[in-house]
Structures are given as structure tokens and as C-alpha cells.
Protein backbone atom coordinates (compact mmCIF):
# COMPACT_ATOMS: atom_id res chain seq x y z
CA UNK A 1 0.25 0.26 0.03
CA UNK A 2 1.59 3.19 -0.53
CA UNK A 3 -0.70 5.70 1.45
CA UNK A 4 -3.12 5.69 4.32
CA UNK A 5 -5.44 3.73 4.25
CA UNK A 6 -8.88 5.32 3.22
CA UNK A 7 -11.02 3.83 6.49
CA UNK A 8 -7.92 5.20 8.80
CA UNK A 9 -7.67 8.38 7.39
CA UNK A 10 -11.65 9.08 7.37
CA UNK A 11 -11.59 7.69 11.14
CA UNK A 12 -9.02 10.32 12.18
CA UNK A 13 -10.73 12.69 10.69
CA UNK A 14 -13.58 11.63 13.22
CA UNK A 15 -12.36 11.59 15.82
CA UNK A 16 -10.52 14.80 15.38
CA UNK A 17 -13.60 16.24 14.62
CA UNK A 18 -15.04 15.04 18.18
CA UNK A 19 -11.41 15.49 20.92
CA UNK A 20 -12.38 19.20 19.34
CA UNK A 21 -15.33 18.71 20.09
CA UNK A 22 -15.60 16.27 23.64
CA UNK A 23 -17.17 14.42 22.79
CA UNK A 24 -16.38 10.04 23.14
CA UNK A 25 -18.08 7.61 20.46
CA UNK A 26 -18.56 4.55 20.47
CA UNK A 27 -20.15 2.32 17.07
CA UNK A 28 -22.81 -0.94 17.11
CA UNK A 29 -21.37 -3.04 14.11
CA UNK A 30 -23.74 -5.90 11.89
CA UNK A 31 -22.44 -6.09 8.36
CA UNK A 32 -19.18 -4.58 8.96
CA UNK A 33 -18.24 -7.00 10.85
CA UNK A 34 -16.35 -4.47 13.02
CA UNK A 35 -14.31 -2.88 10.08
CA UNK A 36 -15.57 0.18 11.43
CA UNK A 37 -14.73 0.15 15.12
CA UNK A 38 -11.13 -0.94 13.10
CA UNK A 39 -11.32 2.21 11.32
CA UNK A 40 -10.88 4.88 14.56
CA UNK A 41 -8.84 1.88 16.99
CA UNK A 42 -5.67 2.37 13.86
CA UNK A 43 -5.60 5.61 14.58
CA UNK A 44 -2.67 6.43 17.74
CA UNK A 45 -4.54 8.37 20.19
CA UNK A 46 -8.21 6.90 19.30
CA UNK A 47 -8.50 5.98 23.40
CA UNK A 48 -9.19 9.47 24.04
CA UNK A 49 -12.20 9.80 22.23
CA UNK A 50 -13.27 6.29 21.42
CA UNK A 51 -15.17 4.43 23.94
CA UNK A 52 -15.29 0.85 21.90
CA UNK A 53 -18.31 -1.06 20.18
CA UNK A 54 -19.95 -4.06 20.21
CA UNK A 55 -20.21 -6.06 17.03
CA UNK A 56 -24.34 -7.32 16.60
CA UNK A 57 -23.83 -9.81 14.03
CA UNK A 58 -27.02 -11.82 14.83
CA UNK A 59 -30.07 -11.07 14.62
CA UNK A 60 -31.41 -11.60 18.42
CA UNK A 61 -27.97 -9.48 18.94
CA UNK A 62 -29.49 -5.55 18.37
CA UNK A 63 -32.43 -7.22 20.59
CA UNK A 64 -30.14 -7.90 23.67
CA UNK A 65 -26.66 -5.83 23.02
CA UNK A 66 -27.85 -2.24 21.78
CA UNK A 67 -31.13 -2.82 23.01
CA UNK A 68 -33.75 -2.99 19.61
CA UNK A 69 -37.12 -2.98 20.19
CA UNK A 70 -37.06 -6.76 19.55
CA UNK A 71 -41.34 -6.46 17.86
CA UNK A 72 -38.94 -3.70 15.59
CA UNK A 73 -36.25 -6.93 14.94
CA UNK A 74 -39.22 -9.23 15.14
CA UNK A 75 -41.67 -7.18 12.20
CA UNK A 76 -39.09 -5.63 9.71
CA UNK A 77 -35.65 -7.48 10.35
CA UNK A 78 -32.26 -5.77 11.26
CA UNK A 79 -32.48 -4.11 8.16
CA UNK A 80 -34.26 -0.45 8.70
CA UNK A 81 -33.97 2.74 9.47
CA UNK A 82 -35.51 2.80 12.95
CA UNK A 83 -33.17 -0.42 13.84
CA UNK A 84 -30.03 1.67 13.03
CA UNK A 85 -31.61 4.57 14.96
CA UNK A 86 -32.22 2.10 17.87
CA UNK A 87 -28.54 0.29 17.81
CA UNK A 88 -27.02 4.35 17.67
CA UNK A 89 -29.10 5.61 19.67
CA UNK A 90 -28.44 2.34 22.70
CA UNK A 91 -24.27 1.93 22.42
CA UNK A 92 -24.33 5.15 23.55
CA UNK A 93 -25.37 3.89 26.32
CA UNK A 94 -23.73 0.16 26.24
CA UNK A 95 -20.77 1.82 26.10
CA UNK A 96 -20.78 3.85 28.75
CA UNK A 97 -18.97 4.48 32.41
CA UNK A 98 -20.49 6.58 35.20
CA UNK A 99 -17.24 8.97 34.39
CA UNK A 100 -17.83 9.44 30.88
CA UNK A 101 -20.62 8.87 28.74
CA UNK A 102 -20.66 8.64 24.85
CA UNK A 103 -22.22 10.91 23.11
CA UNK A 104 -22.20 9.03 19.07
CA UNK A 105 -23.85 6.57 18.50
CA UNK A 106 -22.73 5.30 15.23
CA UNK A 107 -24.46 2.19 13.79
CA UNK A 108 -24.67 0.22 10.18
CA UNK A 109 -27.10 -2.68 9.39
CA UNK A 110 -27.37 -3.99 5.96
CA UNK A 111 -26.88 -6.56 3.07
CA UNK A 112 -23.44 -7.35 2.38
CA UNK A 113 -24.63 -9.99 -0.12
CA UNK A 114 -24.50 -12.21 -2.16
CA UNK A 115 -27.79 -13.20 -1.54
CA UNK A 116 -30.47 -10.98 0.24
CA UNK A 117 -31.76 -11.00 3.72
CA UNK A 118 -33.39 -13.46 4.40
CA UNK A 119 -35.59 -12.51 7.03
CA UNK A 120 -36.40 -8.77 4.91
CA UNK A 121 -35.76 -9.92 1.72
CA UNK A 122 -33.81 -6.76 0.92
CA UNK A 123 -31.35 -7.04 -2.07
CA UNK A 124 -27.44 -7.69 -1.10
CA UNK A 125 -26.33 -2.86 -1.29
CA UNK A 126 -29.11 -2.25 1.55
CA UNK A 127 -27.31 0.00 4.42
CA UNK A 128 -28.83 1.40 6.95
CA UNK A 129 -26.19 4.47 9.22
CA UNK A 130 -27.46 5.35 12.40
CA UNK A 131 -26.45 8.34 14.22
CA UNK A 132 -27.02 9.33 17.22
CA UNK A 133 -25.63 12.58 18.38
CA UNK A 134 -26.56 14.26 21.72
CA UNK A 135 -30.35 14.89 21.63
CA UNK A 136 -30.15 14.19 17.64
CA UNK A 137 -30.99 10.80 16.24
CA UNK A 138 -31.58 9.63 12.25
CA UNK A 139 -30.28 7.40 10.10
CA UNK A 140 -29.65 7.10 6.12
CA UNK A 141 -30.18 4.93 3.02
CA UNK A 142 -27.33 3.91 1.48
CA UNK A 143 -26.70 1.89 -1.15
CA UNK A 144 -23.61 0.23 -1.85
CA UNK A 145 -22.45 -1.49 -4.79
CA UNK A 146 -19.90 -4.72 -5.80
CA UNK A 147 -18.43 -7.53 -3.76
CA UNK A 148 -19.59 -8.01 -0.27
CA UNK A 149 -15.73 -6.59 0.84
CA UNK A 150 -16.30 -3.96 -1.57
CA UNK A 151 -20.22 -3.17 0.09
CA UNK A 152 -18.62 -3.31 4.12
CA UNK A 153 -15.86 -0.97 2.80
CA UNK A 154 -18.63 1.05 1.11
CA UNK A 155 -20.79 0.88 4.60
CA UNK A 156 -17.92 1.90 6.61
CA UNK A 157 -17.00 5.14 4.66
CA UNK A 158 -20.77 5.81 4.31
CA UNK A 159 -20.90 6.08 7.63
CA UNK A 160 -17.01 7.40 8.69
CA UNK A 161 -18.47 10.63 5.83
CA UNK A 162 -21.44 11.19 7.76
CA UNK A 163 -20.12 11.06 11.67
CA UNK A 164 -17.42 13.80 10.46
CA UNK A 165 -21.02 15.86 8.93
CA UNK A 166 -22.75 15.83 12.16
CA UNK A 167 -20.19 16.37 14.47
CA UNK A 168 -19.04 19.86 12.10
CA UNK A 169 -22.64 20.85 12.99
CA UNK A 170 -21.58 21.77 16.70
CA UNK A 171 -20.07 23.92 17.56
CA UNK A 172 -15.28 23.63 18.82
CA UNK A 173 -15.36 23.39 22.96
């Protein structure tokens, strides 16, 4: 490799924005399976703002580990805007310490493929990125193309880009 990995560069940007704003970050991942957390922990000094992450790949773990509503998962499946939002909000609670709250939760859920999601039938490349920053929570639909590794990488880049946008919109401390 001739230059820095794009995930690391984007991870550095999010960490710098978070640090400038006094925001701790945590991630809840499904289809990205740890790649999003890796984008942060690959950066020296990440521990100043990165609290940790949870890989909730199995649908039931989305409920038990990050608090996604079980009825929502049963009715809609794991590839859903509300699921992404609840994952992002839930990881803030799961990774917080009494003396160090997590103010930014980032979540990824979707279909890496090559087969459609067995519960919802959604095709490979459908991804939801959930964000929860202080009192704001939302989800963005992202369409990713390519094979399984390409879809997972694109989902991470999308999540990092959206997190950077949300962080840039709040004032530095």
C-alpha cells in the first residue's frame, strides 16, 4: 500500500472532530463486522475519544446487547432505519461509563450479500447508517455496490462521512 488506508484517514477526521468538540464515540456494527471500529483503533491516540464498539451481527444480539426493540426486529427485520437509529442510541448507553458518557453512537446494518437478507428479502448493497449525537438521532439509507468486501468497505466510509458531517455541525469547545 502506498498511502494511508481510506478508512484510517476518515477515522482520523472523525476522531479529530470529536476530540475538538469533547465528544466520546462508540459504534454498533452488523454487516461491517468490526471494520468501523478498526477505522478508529487504527489511529494512534484513538482512546482519547473512542469508547468501544459492539458487533451485533446476529439479529437477536441487536436486542440483547444494544437494546433494539424486539418487536421491531421481528416485524421489520434487521435492515431498517429504526433499527439503525436504535442501535446508534443503544451503543451510547452500552459503552458509557458513569464518569464518561458516550455522546456519539454510530451504527451500521444492512445486507453485504451476495444473497438477499433472509428475513426482509432486501438485496445486497442496502445499508442503513444510524447516528445518535447528543439529543439528535437519525438514519440514512446508503446504496453500496460491488462484492461483499466492497459493500462492507463502502458502508464504513459512508458511516464515517456522515459522522464527520454531524460532528462538524456542532461547535468546538
